[in-house]
């Protein structure tokens, strides 16, 4: 009988411990599901680099995105691959060129990057 009484005395502490564990699990799951809202869009441009001097008027603008709804390169909407990568050909004019890459997520947050290149 005494072992049963000891268990009943520990039962409220066990309920509190289980409740706290469930609350922590729910909190981390909520943060995991909300990471798109928290972090916003990501844009990484691998080519061309800012300040680059080029000889060929046709270049490829390459990069990777995450958590985006739209991408625009020099004002023209383009599309990414399933993995978020893009490789878009672009015709440059002779001299100084500004290439603007803008991404927007589903919540309207934007990131804009500009590369200045020179075509000789």
PDB file of N, CA and C in Angstrom:
ATOM      1  N   UNK A   1       0.800  -1.189   0.000  1.00  0.00           N
ATOM      2  CA  UNK A   1       0.000   0.000   0.000  1.00  0.00           C
ATOM      3  C   UNK A   1       0.853   1.268   0.000  1.00  0.00           C
ATOM      4  N   UNK A   2       2.010   1.225   0.610  1.00  0.00           N
ATOM      5  CA  UNK A   2       2.834   2.412   0.702  1.00  0.00           C
ATOM      6  C   UNK A   2       3.397   2.806  -0.663  1.00  0.00           C
ATOM      7  N   UNK A   3       3.714   1.852  -1.518  1.00  0.00           N
ATOM      8  CA  UNK A   3       4.238   2.193  -2.830  1.00  0.00           C
ATOM      9  C   UNK A   3       3.184   2.897  -3.665  1.00  0.00           C
ATOM     10  N   UNK A   4       1.945   2.487  -3.534  1.00  0.00           N
ATOM     11  CA  UNK A   4       0.863   3.128  -4.257  1.00  0.00           C
ATOM     12  C   UNK A   4       0.670   4.562  -3.759  1.00  0.00           C
ATOM     13  N   UNK A   5       0.817   4.815  -2.490  1.00  0.00           N
ATOM     14  CA  UNK A   5       0.683   6.152  -1.929  1.00  0.00           C
ATOM     15  C   UNK A   5       1.808   7.059  -2.416  1.00  0.00           C
ATOM     16  N   UNK A   6       3.030   6.542  -2.511  1.00  0.00           N
ATOM     17  CA  UNK A   6       4.159   7.337  -3.002  1.00  0.00           C
ATOM     18  C   UNK A   6       3.938   7.744  -4.464  1.00  0.00           C
ATOM     19  N   UNK A   7       3.385   6.835  -5.248  1.00  0.00           N
ATOM     20  CA  UNK A   7       3.117   7.146  -6.651  1.00  0.00           C
ATOM     21  C   UNK A   7       2.092   8.268  -6.763  1.00  0.00           C
ATOM     22  N   UNK A   8       1.047   8.225  -5.923  1.00  0.00           N
ATOM     23  CA  UNK A   8       0.014   9.271  -5.955  1.00  0.00           C
ATOM     24  C   UNK A   8       0.586  10.619  -5.530  1.00  0.00           C
ATOM     25  N   UNK A   9       1.580  10.620  -4.655  1.00  0.00           N
ATOM     26  CA  UNK A   9       2.205  11.872  -4.243  1.00  0.00           C
ATOM     27  C   UNK A   9       3.057  12.459  -5.376  1.00  0.00           C
ATOM     28  N   UNK A  10       3.651  11.632  -6.197  1.00  0.00           N
ATOM     29  CA  UNK A  10       4.498  12.087  -7.293  1.00  0.00           C
ATOM     30  C   UNK A  10       3.695  12.412  -8.555  1.00  0.00           C
ATOM     31  N   UNK A  11       2.443  12.036  -8.613  1.00  0.00           N
ATOM     32  CA  UNK A  11       1.615  12.219  -9.800  1.00  0.00           C
ATOM     33  C   UNK A  11       1.469  13.684 -10.210  1.00  0.00           C
ATOM     34  N   UNK A  12       1.216  14.648  -9.320  1.00  0.00           N
ATOM     35  CA  UNK A  12       1.124  16.057  -9.766  1.00  0.00           C
ATOM     36  C   UNK A  12       2.426  16.572 -10.388  1.00  0.00           C
ATOM     37  N   UNK A  13       3.566  16.207  -9.830  1.00  0.00           N
ATOM     38  CA  UNK A  13       4.850  16.633 -10.406  1.00  0.00           C
ATOM     39  C   UNK A  13       5.048  16.021 -11.789  1.00  0.00           C
ATOM     40  N   UNK A  14       4.647  14.790 -11.962  1.00  0.00           N
ATOM     41  CA  UNK A  14       4.759  14.118 -13.260  1.00  0.00           C
ATOM     42  C   UNK A  14       3.856  14.788 -14.293  1.00  0.00           C
ATOM     43  N   UNK A  15       2.650  15.196 -13.897  1.00  0.00           N
ATOM     44  CA  UNK A  15       1.739  15.882 -14.808  1.00  0.00           C
ATOM     45  C   UNK A  15       2.332  17.228 -15.244  1.00  0.00           C
ATOM     46  N   UNK A  16       2.938  17.933 -14.306  1.00  0.00           N
ATOM     47  CA  UNK A  16       3.561  19.219 -14.640  1.00  0.00           C
ATOM     48  C   UNK A  16       4.720  19.017 -15.606  1.00  0.00           C
ATOM     49  N   UNK A  17       5.531  18.017 -15.365  1.00  0.00           N
ATOM     50  CA  UNK A  17       6.677  17.722 -16.231  1.00  0.00           C
ATOM     51  C   UNK A  17       6.223  17.357 -17.643  1.00  0.00           C
ATOM     52  N   UNK A  18       5.192  16.546 -17.755  1.00  0.00           N
ATOM     53  CA  UNK A  18       4.665  16.171 -19.072  1.00  0.00           C
ATOM     54  C   UNK A  18       4.071  17.392 -19.773  1.00  0.00           C
ATOM     55  N   UNK A  19       3.368  18.229 -19.032  1.00  0.00           N
ATOM     56  CA  UNK A  19       2.797  19.452 -19.614  1.00  0.00           C
ATOM     57  C   UNK A  19       3.868  20.389 -20.133  1.00  0.00           C
ATOM     58  N   UNK A  20       4.954  20.560 -19.371  1.00  0.00           N
ATOM     59  CA  UNK A  20       6.059  21.402 -19.828  1.00  0.00           C
ATOM     60  C   UNK A  20       6.729  20.828 -21.071  1.00  0.00           C
ATOM     61  N   UNK A  21       6.913  19.517 -21.108  1.00  0.00           N
ATOM     62  CA  UNK A  21       7.528  18.881 -22.275  1.00  0.00           C
ATOM     63  C   UNK A  21       6.661  19.087 -23.513  1.00  0.00           C
ATOM     64  N   UNK A  22       5.351  18.931 -23.368  1.00  0.00           N
ATOM     65  CA  UNK A  22       4.453  19.158 -24.507  1.00  0.00           C
ATOM     66  C   UNK A  22       4.473  20.621 -24.947  1.00  0.00           C
ATOM     67  N   UNK A  23       4.531  21.549 -24.008  1.00  0.00           N
ATOM     68  CA  UNK A  23       4.586  22.968 -24.359  1.00  0.00           C
ATOM     69  C   UNK A  23       5.860  23.293 -25.129  1.00  0.00           C
ATOM     70  N   UNK A  24       6.982  22.724 -24.720  1.00  0.00           N
ATOM     71  CA  UNK A  24       8.252  22.954 -25.421  1.00  0.00           C
ATOM     72  C   UNK A  24       8.195  22.373 -26.832  1.00  0.00           C
ATOM     73  N   UNK A  25       7.635  21.190 -26.972  1.00  0.00           N
ATOM     74  CA  UNK A  25       7.509  20.560 -28.285  1.00  0.00           C
ATOM     75  C   UNK A  25       6.625  21.407 -29.204  1.00  0.00           C
ATOM     76  N   UNK A  26       5.514  21.886 -28.690  1.00  0.00           N
ATOM     77  CA  UNK A  26       4.613  22.717 -29.495  1.00  0.00           C
ATOM     78  C   UNK A  26       5.294  24.028 -29.886  1.00  0.00           C
ATOM     79  N   UNK A  27       6.051  24.621 -28.979  1.00  0.00           N
ATOM     80  CA  UNK A  27       6.759  25.859 -29.278  1.00  0.00           C
ATOM     81  C   UNK A  27       7.776  25.660 -30.404  1.00  0.00           C
ATOM     82  N   UNK A  28       8.596  24.626 -30.316  1.00  0.00           N
ATOM     83  CA  UNK A  28       9.595  24.391 -31.357  1.00  0.00           C
ATOM     84  C   UNK A  28       8.958  24.013 -32.685  1.00  0.00           C
ATOM     85  N   UNK A  29       7.870  23.273 -32.662  1.00  0.00           N
ATOM     86  CA  UNK A  29       7.179  22.947 -33.909  1.00  0.00           C
ATOM     87  C   UNK A  29       6.607  24.218 -34.551  1.00  0.00           C
ATOM     88  N   UNK A  30       6.049  25.100 -33.742  1.00  0.00           N
ATOM     89  CA  UNK A  30       5.525  26.358 -34.263  1.00  0.00           C
ATOM     90  C   UNK A  30       6.611  27.215 -34.890  1.00  0.00           C
ATOM     91  N   UNK A  31       7.772  27.284 -34.243  1.00  0.00           N
ATOM     92  CA  UNK A  31       8.895  28.029 -34.812  1.00  0.00           C
ATOM     93  C   UNK A  31       9.376  27.403 -36.112  1.00  0.00           C
ATOM     94  N   UNK A  32       9.415  26.072 -36.165  1.00  0.00           N
ATOM     95  CA  UNK A  32       9.833  25.379 -37.386  1.00  0.00           C
ATOM     96  C   UNK A  32       8.879  25.689 -38.540  1.00  0.00           C
ATOM     97  N   UNK A  33       7.596  25.656 -38.275  1.00  0.00           N
ATOM     98  CA  UNK A  33       6.610  25.921 -39.316  1.00  0.00           C
ATOM     99  C   UNK A  33       6.595  27.392 -39.738  1.00  0.00           C
ATOM    100  N   UNK A  34       6.996  28.291 -38.859  1.00  0.00           N
ATOM    101  CA  UNK A  34       6.957  29.720 -39.157  1.00  0.00           C
ATOM    102  C   UNK A  34       8.284  30.250 -39.687  1.00  0.00           C
ATOM    103  N   UNK A  35       9.251  29.383 -39.975  1.00  0.00           N
ATOM    104  CA  UNK A  35      10.569  29.875 -40.387  1.00  0.00           C
ATOM    105  C   UNK A  35      10.517  30.656 -41.702  1.00  0.00           C
ATOM    106  N   UNK A  36       9.584  30.347 -42.601  1.00  0.00           N
ATOM    107  CA  UNK A  36       9.458  31.127 -43.837  1.00  0.00           C
ATOM    108  C   UNK A  36       9.046  32.562 -43.535  1.00  0.00           C
ATOM    109  N   UNK A  37       8.172  32.729 -42.568  1.00  0.00           N
ATOM    110  CA  UNK A  37       7.723  34.067 -42.189  1.00  0.00           C
ATOM    111  C   UNK A  37       8.842  34.816 -41.474  1.00  0.00           C
ATOM    112  N   UNK A  38       9.583  34.123 -40.643  1.00  0.00           N
ATOM    113  CA  UNK A  38      10.615  34.753 -39.827  1.00  0.00           C
ATOM    114  C   UNK A  38      11.818  35.161 -40.668  1.00  0.00           C
ATOM    115  N   UNK A  39      12.312  34.268 -41.521  1.00  0.00           N
ATOM    116  CA  UNK A  39      13.563  34.525 -42.234  1.00  0.00           C
ATOM    117  C   UNK A  39      13.408  35.336 -43.508  1.00  0.00           C
ATOM    118  N   UNK A  40      12.296  35.241 -44.212  1.00  0.00           N
ATOM    119  CA  UNK A  40      12.109  35.995 -45.443  1.00  0.00           C
ATOM    120  C   UNK A  40      12.867  35.388 -46.611  1.00  0.00           C
ATOM    121  N   UNK A  41      12.894  36.097 -47.755  1.00  0.00           N
ATOM    122  CA  UNK A  41      13.521  35.542 -48.952  1.00  0.00           C
ATOM    123  C   UNK A  41      15.046  35.542 -48.856  1.00  0.00           C
ATOM    124  N   UNK A  42      15.667  34.663 -49.644  1.00  0.00           N
ATOM    125  CA  UNK A  42      17.124  34.561 -49.723  1.00  0.00           C
ATOM    126  C   UNK A  42      17.527  34.626 -51.190  1.00  0.00           C
ATOM    127  N   UNK A  43      18.567  35.420 -51.487  1.00  0.00           N
ATOM    128  CA  UNK A  43      19.070  35.566 -52.852  1.00  0.00           C
ATOM    129  C   UNK A  43      20.587  35.511 -52.826  1.00  0.00           C
ATOM    130  N   UNK A  44      21.151  34.575 -53.579  1.00  0.00           N
ATOM    131  CA  UNK A  44      22.598  34.442 -53.734  1.00  0.00           C
ATOM    132  C   UNK A  44      22.893  34.475 -55.230  1.00  0.00           C
ATOM    133  N   UNK A  45      23.703  35.442 -55.664  1.00  0.00           N
ATOM    134  CA  UNK A  45      24.065  35.565 -57.074  1.00  0.00           C
ATOM    135  C   UNK A  45      25.502  35.098 -57.237  1.00  0.00           C
ATOM    136  N   UNK A  46      25.703  34.110 -58.099  1.00  0.00           N
ATOM    137  CA  UNK A  46      27.047  33.565 -58.300  1.00  0.00           C
ATOM    138  C   UNK A  46      27.743  34.160 -59.521  1.00  0.00           C
ATOM    139  N   UNK A  47      26.963  34.642 -60.501  1.00  0.00           N
ATOM    140  CA  UNK A  47      27.570  35.196 -61.705  1.00  0.00           C
ATOM    141  C   UNK A  47      26.588  36.162 -62.343  1.00  0.00           C
ATOM    142  N   UNK A  48      26.995  37.313 -62.801  1.00  0.00           N
ATOM    143  CA  UNK A  48      28.325  37.921 -62.781  1.00  0.00           C
ATOM    144  C   UNK A  48      28.594  38.573 -61.422  1.00  0.00           C
ATOM    145  N   UNK A  49      29.835  38.935 -61.185  1.00  0.00           N
ATOM    146  CA  UNK A  49      30.182  39.615 -59.949  1.00  0.00           C
ATOM    147  C   UNK A  49      30.144  41.120 -60.172  1.00  0.00           C
ATOM    148  N   UNK A  50      29.934  41.851 -59.114  1.00  0.00           N
ATOM    149  CA  UNK A  50      29.865  43.305 -59.198  1.00  0.00           C
ATOM    150  C   UNK A  50      31.235  43.865 -59.579  1.00  0.00           C
ATOM    151  N   UNK A  51      31.259  44.751 -60.579  1.00  0.00           N
ATOM    152  CA  UNK A  51      32.497  45.367 -61.032  1.00  0.00           C
ATOM    153  C   UNK A  51      33.251  44.575 -62.082  1.00  0.00           C
ATOM    154  N   UNK A  52      32.679  43.501 -62.557  1.00  0.00           N
ATOM    155  CA  UNK A  52      33.348  42.638 -63.535  1.00  0.00           C
ATOM    156  C   UNK A  52      33.397  43.314 -64.907  1.00  0.00           C
ATOM    157  N   UNK A  53      34.505  43.095 -65.635  1.00  0.00           N
ATOM    158  CA  UNK A  53      34.655  43.554 -67.008  1.00  0.00           C
ATOM    159  C   UNK A  53      34.495  42.352 -67.926  1.00  0.00           C
ATOM    160  N   UNK A  54      33.587  42.472 -68.894  1.00  0.00           N
ATOM    161  CA  UNK A  54      33.257  41.347 -69.770  1.00  0.00           C
ATOM    162  C   UNK A  54      33.582  41.682 -71.214  1.00  0.00           C
ATOM    163  N   UNK A  55      33.759  40.644 -72.030  1.00  0.00           N
ATOM    164  CA  UNK A  55      34.026  40.823 -73.461  1.00  0.00           C
ATOM    165  C   UNK A  55      32.877  40.329 -74.327  1.00  0.00           C
ATOM    166  N   UNK A  56      32.081  39.390 -73.814  1.00  0.00           N
ATOM    167  CA  UNK A  56      30.965  38.822 -74.567  1.00  0.00           C
ATOM    168  C   UNK A  56      29.674  39.551 -74.190  1.00  0.00           C
ATOM    169  N   UNK A  57      28.893  40.036 -75.169  1.00  0.00           N
ATOM    170  CA  UNK A  57      27.672  40.773 -74.823  1.00  0.00           C
ATOM    171  C   UNK A  57      26.550  39.899 -74.261  1.00  0.00           C
ATOM    172  N   UNK A  58      26.637  38.584 -74.446  1.00  0.00           N
ATOM    173  CA  UNK A  58      25.616  37.682 -73.897  1.00  0.00           C
ATOM    174  C   UNK A  58      26.217  36.989 -72.679  1.00  0.00           C
ATOM    175  N   UNK A  59      25.593  37.226 -71.527  1.00  0.00           N
ATOM    176  CA  UNK A  59      26.080  36.615 -70.291  1.00  0.00           C
ATOM    177  C   UNK A  59      24.966  35.784 -69.670  1.00  0.00           C
ATOM    178  N   UNK A  60      25.323  34.997 -68.679  1.00  0.00           N
ATOM    179  CA  UNK A  60      24.343  34.241 -67.897  1.00  0.00           C
ATOM    180  C   UNK A  60      24.324  34.796 -66.484  1.00  0.00           C
ATOM    181  N   UNK A  61      23.152  35.179 -66.048  1.00  0.00           N
ATOM    182  CA  UNK A  61      22.966  35.598 -64.661  1.00  0.00           C
ATOM    183  C   UNK A  61      22.566  34.329 -63.906  1.00  0.00           C
ATOM    184  N   UNK A  62      23.432  33.914 -62.974  1.00  0.00           N
ATOM    185  CA  UNK A  62      23.224  32.656 -62.254  1.00  0.00           C
ATOM    186  C   UNK A  62      23.141  32.908 -60.763  1.00  0.00           C
ATOM    187  N   UNK A  63      22.344  32.083 -60.101  1.00  0.00           N
ATOM    188  CA  UNK A  63      22.244  32.192 -58.658  1.00  0.00           C
ATOM    189  C   UNK A  63      21.267  31.195 -58.079  1.00  0.00           C
ATOM    190  N   UNK A  64      20.986  31.400 -56.795  1.00  0.00           N
ATOM    191  CA  UNK A  64      20.101  30.511 -56.052  1.00  0.00           C
ATOM    192  C   UNK A  64      19.176  31.352 -55.181  1.00  0.00           C
ATOM    193  N   UNK A  65      17.960  30.889 -55.025  1.00  0.00           N
ATOM    194  CA  UNK A  65      16.991  31.563 -54.172  1.00  0.00           C
ATOM    195  C   UNK A  65      16.320  30.553 -53.252  1.00  0.00           C
ATOM    196  N   UNK A  66      15.778  31.075 -52.171  1.00  0.00           N
ATOM    197  CA  UNK A  66      14.939  30.268 -51.281  1.00  0.00           C
ATOM    198  C   UNK A  66      13.805  31.149 -50.779  1.00  0.00           C
ATOM    199  N   UNK A  67      12.687  30.529 -50.537  1.00  0.00           N
ATOM    200  CA  UNK A  67      11.520  31.186 -49.939  1.00  0.00           C
ATOM    201  C   UNK A  67      11.070  32.402 -50.748  1.00  0.00           C
ATOM    202  N   UNK A  68      10.940  32.252 -52.071  1.00  0.00           N
ATOM    203  CA  UNK A  68      10.493  33.373 -52.910  1.00  0.00           C
ATOM    204  C   UNK A  68       9.214  33.000 -53.642  1.00  0.00           C
ATOM    205  N   UNK A  69       8.491  34.033 -54.055  1.00  0.00           N
ATOM    206  CA  UNK A  69       7.315  33.852 -54.899  1.00  0.00           C
ATOM    207  C   UNK A  69       7.585  34.352 -56.314  1.00  0.00           C
ATOM    208  N   UNK A  70       8.416  35.418 -56.427  1.00  0.00           N
ATOM    209  CA  UNK A  70       8.716  36.010 -57.741  1.00  0.00           C
ATOM    210  C   UNK A  70      10.173  36.426 -57.787  1.00  0.00           C
ATOM    211  N   UNK A  71      10.723  36.393 -59.016  1.00  0.00           N
ATOM    212  CA  UNK A  71      12.077  36.893 -59.245  1.00  0.00           C
ATOM    213  C   UNK A  71      12.074  37.704 -60.534  1.00  0.00           C
ATOM    214  N   UNK A  72      12.735  38.858 -60.482  1.00  0.00           N
ATOM    215  CA  UNK A  72      12.847  39.745 -61.637  1.00  0.00           C
ATOM    216  C   UNK A  72      14.317  40.027 -61.887  1.00  0.00           C
ATOM    217  N   UNK A  73      14.735  39.920 -63.151  1.00  0.00           N
ATOM    218  CA  UNK A  73      16.095  40.277 -63.550  1.00  0.00           C
ATOM    219  C   UNK A  73      15.990  41.401 -64.566  1.00  0.00           C
ATOM    220  N   UNK A  74      16.526  42.561 -64.194  1.00  0.00           N
ATOM    221  CA  UNK A  74      16.443  43.782 -65.007  1.00  0.00           C
ATOM    222  C   UNK A  74      15.008  44.071 -65.422  1.00  0.00           C
ATOM    223  N   UNK A  75      14.074  43.924 -64.487  1.00  0.00           N
ATOM    224  CA  UNK A  75      12.676  44.252 -64.722  1.00  0.00           C
ATOM    225  C   UNK A  75      11.847  43.168 -65.380  1.00  0.00           C
ATOM    226  N   UNK A  76      12.464  42.079 -65.794  1.00  0.00           N
ATOM    227  CA  UNK A  76      11.745  40.999 -66.475  1.00  0.00           C
ATOM    228  C   UNK A  76      11.561  39.827 -65.513  1.00  0.00           C
ATOM    229  N   UNK A  77      10.326  39.348 -65.372  1.00  0.00           N
ATOM    230  CA  UNK A  77      10.088  38.217 -64.488  1.00  0.00           C
ATOM    231  C   UNK A  77      10.622  36.947 -65.123  1.00  0.00           C
ATOM    232  N   UNK A  78      11.385  36.196 -64.338  1.00  0.00           N
ATOM    233  CA  UNK A  78      11.931  34.924 -64.785  1.00  0.00           C
ATOM    234  C   UNK A  78      11.522  33.854 -63.774  1.00  0.00           C
ATOM    235  N   UNK A  79      11.860  32.620 -64.079  1.00  0.00           N
ATOM    236  CA  UNK A  79      11.456  31.513 -63.223  1.00  0.00           C
ATOM    237  C   UNK A  79      12.673  30.712 -62.788  1.00  0.00           C
ATOM    238  N   UNK A  80      12.542  30.107 -61.634  1.00  0.00           N
ATOM    239  CA  UNK A  80      13.630  29.295 -61.086  1.00  0.00           C
ATOM    240  C   UNK A  80      13.343  27.819 -61.317  1.00  0.00           C
ATOM    241  N   UNK A  81      14.374  27.022 -61.139  1.00  0.00           N
ATOM    242  CA  UNK A  81      14.213  25.568 -61.165  1.00  0.00           C
ATOM    243  C   UNK A  81      13.548  25.125 -59.855  1.00  0.00           C
ATOM    244  N   UNK A  82      13.224  23.860 -59.751  1.00  0.00           N
ATOM    245  CA  UNK A  82      12.588  23.345 -58.533  1.00  0.00           C
ATOM    246  C   UNK A  82      13.461  23.522 -57.299  1.00  0.00           C
ATOM    247  N   UNK A  83      14.776  23.486 -57.484  1.00  0.00           N
ATOM    248  CA  UNK A  83      15.690  23.637 -56.347  1.00  0.00           C
ATOM    249  C   UNK A  83      15.992  25.096 -56.018  1.00  0.00           C
ATOM    250  N   UNK A  84      15.391  26.044 -56.737  1.00  0.00           N
ATOM    251  CA  UNK A  84      15.584  27.466 -56.465  1.00  0.00           C
ATOM    252  C   UNK A  84      16.697  28.113 -57.273  1.00  0.00           C
ATOM    253  N   UNK A  85      17.385  27.343 -58.102  1.00  0.00           N
ATOM    254  CA  UNK A  85      18.478  27.915 -58.900  1.00  0.00           C
ATOM    255  C   UNK A  85      17.917  28.563 -60.164  1.00  0.00           C
ATOM    256  N   UNK A  86      18.684  29.510 -60.692  1.00  0.00           N
ATOM    257  CA  UNK A  86      18.306  30.143 -61.952  1.00  0.00           C
ATOM    258  C   UNK A  86      19.556  30.397 -62.784  1.00  0.00           C
ATOM    259  N   UNK A  87      19.385  30.387 -64.097  1.00  0.00           N
ATOM    260  CA  UNK A  87      20.451  30.642 -65.072  1.00  0.00           C
ATOM    261  C   UNK A  87      19.772  31.315 -66.260  1.00  0.00           C
ATOM    262  N   UNK A  88      19.856  32.644 -66.299  1.00  0.00           N
ATOM    263  CA  UNK A  88      19.106  33.426 -67.281  1.00  0.00           C
ATOM    264  C   UNK A  88      20.081  34.150 -68.204  1.00  0.00           C
ATOM    265  N   UNK A  89      19.955  33.951 -69.538  1.00  0.00           N
ATOM    266  CA  UNK A  89      20.812  34.707 -70.460  1.00  0.00           C
ATOM    267  C   UNK A  89      20.361  36.169 -70.526  1.00  0.00           C
ATOM    268  N   UNK A  90      21.344  37.057 -70.669  1.00  0.00           N
ATOM    269  CA  UNK A  90      21.059  38.482 -70.705  1.00  0.00           C
ATOM    270  C   UNK A  90      21.979  39.149 -71.716  1.00  0.00           C
ATOM    271  N   UNK A  91      21.414  40.022 -72.542  1.00  0.00           N
ATOM    272  CA  UNK A  91      22.184  40.752 -73.546  1.00  0.00           C
ATOM    273  C   UNK A  91      22.573  42.111 -72.970  1.00  0.00           C
ATOM    274  N   UNK A  92      23.869  42.402 -72.976  1.00  0.00           N
ATOM    275  CA  UNK A  92      24.385  43.663 -72.445  1.00  0.00           C
ATOM    276  C   UNK A  92      24.638  44.655 -73.563  1.00  0.00           C
ATOM    277  N   UNK A  93      24.575  45.929 -73.224  1.00  0.00           N
ATOM    278  CA  UNK A  93      24.975  46.979 -74.155  1.00  0.00           C
ATOM    279  C   UNK A  93      26.444  47.313 -73.910  1.00  0.00           C
ATOM    280  N   UNK A  94      27.105  47.892 -74.911  1.00  0.00           N
ATOM    281  CA  UNK A  94      28.516  48.231 -74.737  1.00  0.00           C
ATOM    282  C   UNK A  94      28.662  49.337 -73.698  1.00  0.00           C
ATOM    283  N   UNK A  95      29.677  49.213 -72.891  1.00  0.00           N
ATOM    284  CA  UNK A  95      29.933  50.188 -71.841  1.00  0.00           C
ATOM    285  C   UNK A  95      29.435  49.696 -70.498  1.00  0.00           C
ATOM    286  N   UNK A  96      28.923  50.632 -69.711  1.00  0.00           N
ATOM    287  CA  UNK A  96      28.509  50.404 -68.323  1.00  0.00           C
ATOM    288  C   UNK A  96      27.090  49.852 -68.277  1.00  0.00           C
ATOM    289  N   UNK A  97      26.873  48.731 -67.556  1.00  0.00           N
ATOM    290  CA  UNK A  97      25.561  48.111 -67.431  1.00  0.00           C
ATOM    291  C   UNK A  97      25.256  47.859 -65.959  1.00  0.00           C
ATOM    292  N   UNK A  98      24.010  48.055 -65.590  1.00  0.00           N
ATOM    293  CA  UNK A  98      23.546  47.713 -64.244  1.00  0.00           C
ATOM    294  C   UNK A  98      22.542  46.587 -64.375  1.00  0.00           C
ATOM    295  N   UNK A  99      22.826  45.478 -63.710  1.00  0.00           N
ATOM    296  CA  UNK A  99      21.928  44.322 -63.710  1.00  0.00           C
ATOM    297  C   UNK A  99      21.274  44.271 -62.334  1.00  0.00           C
ATOM    298  N   UNK A 100      19.950  44.368 -62.321  1.00  0.00           N
ATOM    299  CA  UNK A 100      19.218  44.346 -61.057  1.00  0.00           C
ATOM    300  C   UNK A 100      18.477  43.024 -60.924  1.00  0.00           C
ATOM    301  N   UNK A 101      18.667  42.360 -59.797  1.00  0.00           N
ATOM    302  CA  UNK A 101      17.950  41.121 -59.504  1.00  0.00           C
ATOM    303  C   UNK A 101      17.114  41.389 -58.251  1.00  0.00           C
ATOM    304  N   UNK A 102      15.807  41.204 -58.387  1.00  0.00           N
ATOM    305  CA  UNK A 102      14.898  41.467 -57.272  1.00  0.00           C
ATOM    306  C   UNK A 102      14.054  40.226 -57.024  1.00  0.00           C
ATOM    307  N   UNK A 103      13.972  39.814 -55.764  1.00  0.00           N
ATOM    308  CA  UNK A 103      13.112  38.691 -55.377  1.00  0.00           C
ATOM    309  C   UNK A 103      12.087  39.190 -54.370  1.00  0.00           C
ATOM    310  N   UNK A 104      10.941  38.531 -54.380  1.00  0.00           N
ATOM    311  CA  UNK A 104       9.853  38.887 -53.472  1.00  0.00           C
ATOM    312  C   UNK A 104       9.249  37.603 -52.926  1.00  0.00           C
ATOM    313  N   UNK A 105       8.991  37.583 -51.613  1.00  0.00           N
ATOM    314  CA  UNK A 105       8.350  36.404 -51.049  1.00  0.00           C
ATOM    315  C   UNK A 105       6.836  36.582 -51.047  1.00  0.00           C
ATOM    316  N   UNK A 106       6.135  35.580 -50.567  1.00  0.00           N
ATOM    317  CA  UNK A 106       4.669  35.605 -50.613  1.00  0.00           C
ATOM    318  C   UNK A 106       4.059  36.632 -49.657  1.00  0.00           C
ATOM    319  N   UNK A 107       4.869  37.193 -48.757  1.00  0.00           N
ATOM    320  CA  UNK A 107       4.378  38.194 -47.816  1.00  0.00           C
ATOM    321  C   UNK A 107       4.727  39.614 -48.251  1.00  0.00           C
ATOM    322  N   UNK A 108       5.330  39.764 -49.441  1.00  0.00           N
ATOM    323  CA  UNK A 108       5.643  41.070 -49.984  1.00  0.00           C
ATOM    324  C   UNK A 108       7.011  41.614 -49.621  1.00  0.00           C
ATOM    325  N   UNK A 109       7.812  40.867 -48.864  1.00  0.00           N
ATOM    326  CA  UNK A 109       9.159  41.336 -48.534  1.00  0.00           C
ATOM    327  C   UNK A 109      10.067  41.141 -49.735  1.00  0.00           C
ATOM    328  N   UNK A 110      10.927  42.135 -49.991  1.00  0.00           N
ATOM    329  CA  UNK A 110      11.782  42.117 -51.177  1.00  0.00           C
ATOM    330  C   UNK A 110      13.249  42.216 -50.807  1.00  0.00           C
ATOM    331  N   UNK A 111      14.074  41.642 -51.667  1.00  0.00           N
ATOM    332  CA  UNK A 111      15.523  41.827 -51.624  1.00  0.00           C
ATOM    333  C   UNK A 111      15.938  42.203 -53.041  1.00  0.00           C
ATOM    334  N   UNK A 112      16.740  43.262 -53.172  1.00  0.00           N
ATOM    335  CA  UNK A 112      17.238  43.700 -54.472  1.00  0.00           C
ATOM    336  C   UNK A 112      18.753  43.756 -54.420  1.00  0.00           C
ATOM    337  N   UNK A 113      19.399  43.168 -55.420  1.00  0.00           N
ATOM    338  CA  UNK A 113      20.851  43.233 -55.553  1.00  0.00           C
ATOM    339  C   UNK A 113      21.174  43.767 -56.938  1.00  0.00           C
ATOM    340  N   UNK A 114      22.194  44.612 -56.989  1.00  0.00           N
ATOM    341  CA  UNK A 114      22.630  45.176 -58.267  1.00  0.00           C
ATOM    342  C   UNK A 114      24.079  44.805 -58.520  1.00  0.00           C
ATOM    343  N   UNK A 115      24.362  44.460 -59.756  1.00  0.00           N
ATOM    344  CA  UNK A 115      25.740  44.215 -60.205  1.00  0.00           C
ATOM    345  C   UNK A 115      26.027  45.217 -61.312  1.00  0.00           C
ATOM    346  N   UNK A 116      27.137  45.873 -61.197  1.00  0.00           N
ATOM    347  CA  UNK A 116      27.585  46.801 -62.226  1.00  0.00           C
ATOM    348  C   UNK A 116      28.683  46.114 -63.013  1.00  0.00           C
ATOM    349  N   UNK A 117      28.461  45.974 -64.311  1.00  0.00           N
ATOM    350  CA  UNK A 117      29.458  45.323 -65.169  1.00  0.00           C
ATOM    351  C   UNK A 117      29.759  46.229 -66.348  1.00  0.00           C
ATOM    352  N   UNK A 118      30.943  46.037 -66.914  1.00  0.00           N
ATOM    353  CA  UNK A 118      31.390  46.823 -68.064  1.00  0.00           C
ATOM    354  C   UNK A 118      31.631  45.881 -69.216  1.00  0.00           C
ATOM    355  N   UNK A 119      31.057  46.193 -70.375  1.00  0.00           N
ATOM    356  CA  UNK A 119      31.277  45.409 -71.577  1.00  0.00           C
ATOM    357  C   UNK A 119      32.229  46.163 -72.482  1.00  0.00           C
ATOM    358  N   UNK A 120      33.401  45.574 -72.751  1.00  0.00           N
ATOM    359  CA  UNK A 120      34.397  46.181 -73.658  1.00  0.00           C
ATOM    360  C   UNK A 120      34.187  45.713 -75.075  1.00  0.00           C
TER     361      UNK A 120
END
